[in-house]
């Protein structure tokens, strides 16, 4: 597994870190943007969430920096990608998922 300090989830990744990841985060907040929105919707959250927490937003295909990627036709593929990224970058932290009603199905799979 890569070191979190060097392996940052970038614009083409399923998780976009909204600020640097603390070395030992108390928790990780993963935000799911609403229908048609991208991870940039949460950029102002950087000042609202405790500094000891990691803060990331889901960056789905067909949105924002992944606009040109094809839309997935299988929800389980997207959930697996999100889960793998969360484990890679945030395995030691408590993970909290939050989002809007339409993204609820992704958070609970």
N, C-alpha and C. Protein backbone atom coordinates (compact mmCIF):
# COMPACT_ATOMS: atom_id res chain seq x y z
N UNK A 1 0.85 -1.18 0.00
CA UNK A 1 0.00 0.00 0.00
C UNK A 1 0.89 1.24 0.00
N UNK A 2 0.49 2.23 -0.76
CA UNK A 2 1.27 3.46 -0.84
C UNK A 2 1.07 4.32 0.40
N UNK A 3 2.04 5.15 0.67
CA UNK A 3 1.97 6.09 1.79
C UNK A 3 0.94 7.16 1.46
N UNK A 4 0.08 7.49 2.44
CA UNK A 4 -0.96 8.50 2.20
C UNK A 4 -0.38 9.86 1.88
N UNK A 5 0.82 10.14 2.38
CA UNK A 5 1.41 11.46 2.12
C UNK A 5 1.80 11.63 0.66
N UNK A 6 2.16 10.52 0.00
CA UNK A 6 2.59 10.62 -1.39
C UNK A 6 1.49 10.20 -2.36
N UNK A 7 0.60 9.35 -1.93
CA UNK A 7 -0.44 8.83 -2.82
C UNK A 7 -1.74 9.57 -2.56
N UNK A 8 -1.88 10.74 -3.09
CA UNK A 8 -3.09 11.54 -2.87
C UNK A 8 -4.10 11.24 -3.96
N UNK A 9 -5.34 11.13 -3.55
CA UNK A 9 -6.42 10.93 -4.51
C UNK A 9 -6.58 12.22 -5.29
N UNK A 10 -6.40 12.15 -6.58
CA UNK A 10 -6.42 13.35 -7.40
C UNK A 10 -7.69 13.50 -8.20
N UNK A 11 -7.69 14.45 -9.14
CA UNK A 11 -8.89 14.78 -9.91
C UNK A 11 -9.51 13.61 -10.66
N UNK A 12 -8.69 12.65 -11.10
CA UNK A 12 -9.23 11.51 -11.84
C UNK A 12 -9.59 10.34 -10.96
N UNK A 13 -9.46 10.48 -9.66
CA UNK A 13 -9.73 9.41 -8.72
C UNK A 13 -11.17 9.49 -8.22
N UNK A 14 -11.63 8.39 -7.66
CA UNK A 14 -13.00 8.36 -7.14
C UNK A 14 -13.13 9.18 -5.86
N UNK A 15 -12.04 9.37 -5.11
CA UNK A 15 -12.06 10.26 -3.94
C UNK A 15 -11.15 11.44 -4.20
N UNK A 16 -11.66 12.60 -3.96
CA UNK A 16 -10.88 13.82 -4.11
C UNK A 16 -10.69 14.42 -2.72
N UNK A 17 -9.44 14.43 -2.26
CA UNK A 17 -9.17 15.04 -0.95
C UNK A 17 -9.32 16.55 -1.07
N UNK A 18 -10.06 17.11 -0.14
CA UNK A 18 -10.35 18.54 -0.18
C UNK A 18 -9.31 19.36 0.58
N UNK A 19 -8.42 18.69 1.28
CA UNK A 19 -7.30 19.32 1.97
C UNK A 19 -6.31 18.21 2.29
N UNK A 20 -5.09 18.55 2.73
CA UNK A 20 -4.12 17.49 3.04
C UNK A 20 -4.65 16.53 4.11
N UNK A 21 -4.32 15.26 3.95
CA UNK A 21 -4.77 14.23 4.90
C UNK A 21 -3.84 14.25 6.12
N UNK A 22 -4.39 14.40 7.34
CA UNK A 22 -3.54 14.34 8.53
C UNK A 22 -2.83 12.99 8.61
N UNK A 23 -1.67 12.97 9.22
CA UNK A 23 -0.92 11.71 9.32
C UNK A 23 -1.72 10.65 10.08
N UNK A 24 -2.39 11.04 11.16
CA UNK A 24 -3.21 10.13 11.94
C UNK A 24 -4.59 10.76 12.16
N UNK A 25 -5.45 10.71 11.14
CA UNK A 25 -6.76 11.38 11.28
C UNK A 25 -7.62 10.71 12.34
N UNK A 26 -8.35 11.52 13.09
CA UNK A 26 -9.31 11.00 14.07
C UNK A 26 -10.48 10.34 13.37
N UNK A 27 -10.86 10.90 12.24
CA UNK A 27 -11.97 10.37 11.45
C UNK A 27 -11.79 10.84 10.01
N UNK A 28 -12.50 10.18 9.14
CA UNK A 28 -12.53 10.58 7.74
C UNK A 28 -13.98 10.85 7.36
N UNK A 29 -14.24 12.03 6.83
CA UNK A 29 -15.57 12.37 6.35
C UNK A 29 -15.55 12.28 4.83
N UNK A 30 -16.34 11.35 4.29
CA UNK A 30 -16.46 11.19 2.84
C UNK A 30 -17.83 11.74 2.45
N UNK A 31 -17.80 12.74 1.58
CA UNK A 31 -19.01 13.45 1.17
C UNK A 31 -19.45 13.00 -0.22
N UNK A 32 -20.73 12.76 -0.38
CA UNK A 32 -21.31 12.34 -1.65
C UNK A 32 -22.10 13.51 -2.22
N UNK A 33 -21.64 14.12 -3.34
CA UNK A 33 -22.38 15.25 -3.91
C UNK A 33 -23.72 14.81 -4.49
N UNK A 34 -24.62 15.75 -4.55
CA UNK A 34 -25.95 15.48 -5.08
C UNK A 34 -25.95 15.26 -6.58
N UNK A 35 -27.10 14.93 -7.11
CA UNK A 35 -27.27 14.63 -8.52
C UNK A 35 -26.74 15.78 -9.39
N UNK A 36 -25.84 15.45 -10.29
CA UNK A 36 -25.29 16.43 -11.21
C UNK A 36 -24.16 17.27 -10.65
N UNK A 37 -23.92 17.21 -9.36
CA UNK A 37 -22.85 18.01 -8.74
C UNK A 37 -21.56 17.20 -8.68
N UNK A 38 -20.48 17.90 -8.50
CA UNK A 38 -19.18 17.26 -8.36
C UNK A 38 -18.60 17.52 -6.98
N UNK A 39 -17.39 17.05 -6.75
CA UNK A 39 -16.78 17.22 -5.43
C UNK A 39 -16.53 18.69 -5.06
N UNK A 40 -16.43 19.57 -6.03
CA UNK A 40 -16.23 20.99 -5.75
C UNK A 40 -17.36 21.62 -4.96
N UNK A 41 -18.51 20.98 -4.95
CA UNK A 41 -19.65 21.46 -4.18
C UNK A 41 -19.28 21.61 -2.70
N UNK A 42 -18.33 20.80 -2.24
CA UNK A 42 -17.96 20.78 -0.82
C UNK A 42 -16.70 21.57 -0.50
N UNK A 43 -16.19 22.36 -1.41
CA UNK A 43 -14.91 23.05 -1.16
C UNK A 43 -14.94 23.94 0.08
N UNK A 44 -16.06 24.53 0.40
CA UNK A 44 -16.15 25.38 1.58
C UNK A 44 -16.16 24.60 2.89
N UNK A 45 -16.34 23.30 2.83
CA UNK A 45 -16.36 22.48 4.03
C UNK A 45 -14.99 22.39 4.69
N UNK A 46 -13.94 22.75 3.96
CA UNK A 46 -12.58 22.66 4.52
C UNK A 46 -12.46 23.41 5.83
N UNK A 47 -13.18 24.51 5.97
CA UNK A 47 -13.09 25.32 7.20
C UNK A 47 -14.14 24.90 8.23
N UNK A 48 -15.06 24.04 7.87
CA UNK A 48 -16.14 23.65 8.78
C UNK A 48 -15.87 22.35 9.52
N UNK A 49 -14.99 21.53 8.98
CA UNK A 49 -14.70 20.21 9.54
C UNK A 49 -13.43 20.30 10.38
N UNK A 50 -13.39 19.64 11.54
CA UNK A 50 -12.19 19.70 12.39
C UNK A 50 -10.91 19.35 11.63
N UNK A 51 -9.84 20.06 11.94
CA UNK A 51 -8.56 19.87 11.25
C UNK A 51 -7.95 18.50 11.45
N UNK A 52 -8.37 17.78 12.48
CA UNK A 52 -7.84 16.43 12.74
C UNK A 52 -8.54 15.38 11.89
N UNK A 53 -9.51 15.78 11.13
CA UNK A 53 -10.25 14.86 10.28
C UNK A 53 -9.74 14.94 8.84
N UNK A 54 -9.74 13.80 8.17
CA UNK A 54 -9.51 13.79 6.73
C UNK A 54 -10.85 14.14 6.06
N UNK A 55 -10.77 14.84 4.95
CA UNK A 55 -11.97 15.30 4.26
C UNK A 55 -11.85 14.98 2.77
N UNK A 56 -12.78 14.16 2.28
CA UNK A 56 -12.74 13.77 0.88
C UNK A 56 -14.16 13.80 0.31
N UNK A 57 -14.26 14.04 -0.98
CA UNK A 57 -15.54 14.00 -1.67
C UNK A 57 -15.48 12.96 -2.78
N UNK A 58 -16.59 12.30 -2.99
CA UNK A 58 -16.67 11.30 -4.05
C UNK A 58 -16.68 12.02 -5.39
N UNK A 59 -15.87 11.52 -6.30
CA UNK A 59 -15.69 12.09 -7.63
C UNK A 59 -16.14 11.04 -8.63
N UNK A 60 -17.41 11.04 -8.99
CA UNK A 60 -17.98 10.00 -9.83
C UNK A 60 -17.68 10.21 -11.32
N UNK A 61 -17.60 9.11 -12.08
CA UNK A 61 -17.45 9.23 -13.54
C UNK A 61 -18.61 10.03 -14.12
N UNK A 62 -18.29 10.85 -15.12
CA UNK A 62 -19.31 11.66 -15.76
C UNK A 62 -19.53 13.01 -15.10
N UNK A 63 -18.74 13.31 -14.06
CA UNK A 63 -18.87 14.59 -13.34
C UNK A 63 -17.50 15.22 -13.17
N UNK A 64 -17.47 16.53 -13.10
CA UNK A 64 -16.26 17.32 -12.79
C UNK A 64 -15.07 16.85 -13.61
N UNK A 65 -13.95 16.54 -12.96
CA UNK A 65 -12.72 16.16 -13.66
C UNK A 65 -12.85 14.81 -14.37
N UNK A 66 -13.89 14.06 -14.06
CA UNK A 66 -14.10 12.75 -14.71
C UNK A 66 -15.25 12.82 -15.73
N UNK A 67 -15.53 14.03 -16.21
CA UNK A 67 -16.65 14.25 -17.11
C UNK A 67 -16.60 13.39 -18.36
N UNK A 68 -15.43 13.19 -18.92
CA UNK A 68 -15.30 12.44 -20.17
C UNK A 68 -15.32 10.93 -19.99
N UNK A 69 -15.28 10.48 -18.75
CA UNK A 69 -15.33 9.04 -18.49
C UNK A 69 -16.76 8.53 -18.70
N UNK A 70 -16.89 7.32 -19.19
CA UNK A 70 -18.25 6.78 -19.39
C UNK A 70 -18.95 6.57 -18.06
N UNK A 71 -20.26 6.75 -18.09
CA UNK A 71 -21.05 6.50 -16.89
C UNK A 71 -21.07 5.01 -16.60
N UNK A 72 -20.94 4.64 -15.35
CA UNK A 72 -20.98 3.21 -15.03
C UNK A 72 -22.38 2.65 -15.22
N UNK A 73 -22.45 1.41 -15.66
CA UNK A 73 -23.76 0.79 -15.82
C UNK A 73 -24.02 -0.24 -14.72
N UNK A 74 -23.09 -0.28 -13.74
CA UNK A 74 -23.23 -1.21 -12.63
C UNK A 74 -22.87 -0.48 -11.34
N UNK A 75 -23.84 -0.29 -10.48
CA UNK A 75 -23.65 0.43 -9.23
C UNK A 75 -22.61 -0.25 -8.34
N UNK A 76 -22.55 -1.57 -8.38
CA UNK A 76 -21.61 -2.29 -7.52
C UNK A 76 -20.15 -1.99 -7.89
N UNK A 77 -19.89 -1.71 -9.15
CA UNK A 77 -18.54 -1.34 -9.58
C UNK A 77 -18.14 -0.01 -8.93
N UNK A 78 -19.04 0.94 -8.90
CA UNK A 78 -18.77 2.25 -8.30
C UNK A 78 -18.56 2.10 -6.80
N UNK A 79 -19.42 1.33 -6.14
CA UNK A 79 -19.30 1.13 -4.70
C UNK A 79 -17.96 0.46 -4.37
N UNK A 80 -17.55 -0.51 -5.16
CA UNK A 80 -16.28 -1.19 -4.94
C UNK A 80 -15.12 -0.22 -5.10
N UNK A 81 -15.17 0.65 -6.08
CA UNK A 81 -14.13 1.64 -6.31
C UNK A 81 -14.04 2.62 -5.13
N UNK A 82 -15.17 3.09 -4.65
CA UNK A 82 -15.20 4.02 -3.50
C UNK A 82 -14.65 3.32 -2.26
N UNK A 83 -15.09 2.10 -2.02
CA UNK A 83 -14.63 1.35 -0.85
C UNK A 83 -13.13 1.11 -0.89
N UNK A 84 -12.61 0.71 -2.03
CA UNK A 84 -11.16 0.47 -2.16
C UNK A 84 -10.36 1.73 -1.89
N UNK A 85 -10.82 2.86 -2.41
CA UNK A 85 -10.12 4.13 -2.19
C UNK A 85 -10.19 4.53 -0.72
N UNK A 86 -11.32 4.33 -0.09
CA UNK A 86 -11.47 4.68 1.33
C UNK A 86 -10.55 3.82 2.18
N UNK A 87 -10.44 2.54 1.88
CA UNK A 87 -9.56 1.66 2.64
C UNK A 87 -8.10 2.04 2.41
N UNK A 88 -7.74 2.34 1.17
CA UNK A 88 -6.34 2.67 0.87
C UNK A 88 -5.88 3.91 1.62
N UNK A 89 -6.70 4.93 1.66
CA UNK A 89 -6.27 6.20 2.23
C UNK A 89 -6.70 6.40 3.68
N UNK A 90 -7.70 5.66 4.13
CA UNK A 90 -8.28 5.97 5.43
C UNK A 90 -8.55 4.74 6.28
N UNK A 91 -7.75 3.69 6.11
CA UNK A 91 -8.00 2.42 6.79
C UNK A 91 -7.96 2.55 8.32
N UNK A 92 -7.13 3.42 8.84
CA UNK A 92 -6.96 3.52 10.29
C UNK A 92 -7.98 4.44 10.95
N UNK A 93 -8.72 5.18 10.17
CA UNK A 93 -9.64 6.18 10.73
C UNK A 93 -11.08 5.69 10.71
N UNK A 94 -11.86 6.23 11.61
CA UNK A 94 -13.30 6.02 11.57
C UNK A 94 -13.81 6.73 10.32
N UNK A 95 -14.63 6.08 9.53
CA UNK A 95 -15.13 6.67 8.28
C UNK A 95 -16.60 7.03 8.45
N UNK A 96 -16.90 8.28 8.11
CA UNK A 96 -18.26 8.80 8.17
C UNK A 96 -18.64 9.21 6.75
N UNK A 97 -19.77 8.71 6.27
CA UNK A 97 -20.24 9.06 4.93
C UNK A 97 -21.47 9.96 5.06
N UNK A 98 -21.49 11.00 4.25
CA UNK A 98 -22.62 11.92 4.28
C UNK A 98 -22.91 12.39 2.86
N UNK A 99 -24.16 12.65 2.59
CA UNK A 99 -24.51 13.14 1.26
C UNK A 99 -25.99 13.45 1.18
N UNK A 100 -26.48 13.49 -0.03
CA UNK A 100 -27.87 13.84 -0.27
C UNK A 100 -28.70 12.59 -0.50
N UNK A 101 -29.97 12.76 -0.62
CA UNK A 101 -30.90 11.63 -0.74
C UNK A 101 -30.55 10.74 -1.92
N UNK A 102 -30.23 11.29 -3.07
CA UNK A 102 -29.99 10.47 -4.26
C UNK A 102 -28.72 9.63 -4.14
N UNK A 103 -27.78 10.04 -3.31
CA UNK A 103 -26.56 9.27 -3.17
C UNK A 103 -26.65 8.27 -2.02
N UNK A 104 -27.76 8.22 -1.36
CA UNK A 104 -27.94 7.29 -0.25
C UNK A 104 -27.69 5.84 -0.67
N UNK A 105 -28.12 5.47 -1.85
CA UNK A 105 -27.94 4.08 -2.29
C UNK A 105 -26.46 3.73 -2.43
N UNK A 106 -25.60 4.68 -2.78
CA UNK A 106 -24.17 4.41 -2.85
C UNK A 106 -23.58 4.24 -1.46
N UNK A 107 -23.99 5.07 -0.53
CA UNK A 107 -23.40 5.04 0.82
C UNK A 107 -23.72 3.75 1.56
N UNK A 108 -24.86 3.14 1.29
CA UNK A 108 -25.28 1.99 2.08
C UNK A 108 -25.03 0.67 1.40
N UNK A 109 -24.39 0.62 0.30
CA UNK A 109 -24.10 -0.67 -0.37
C UNK A 109 -22.82 -1.27 0.12
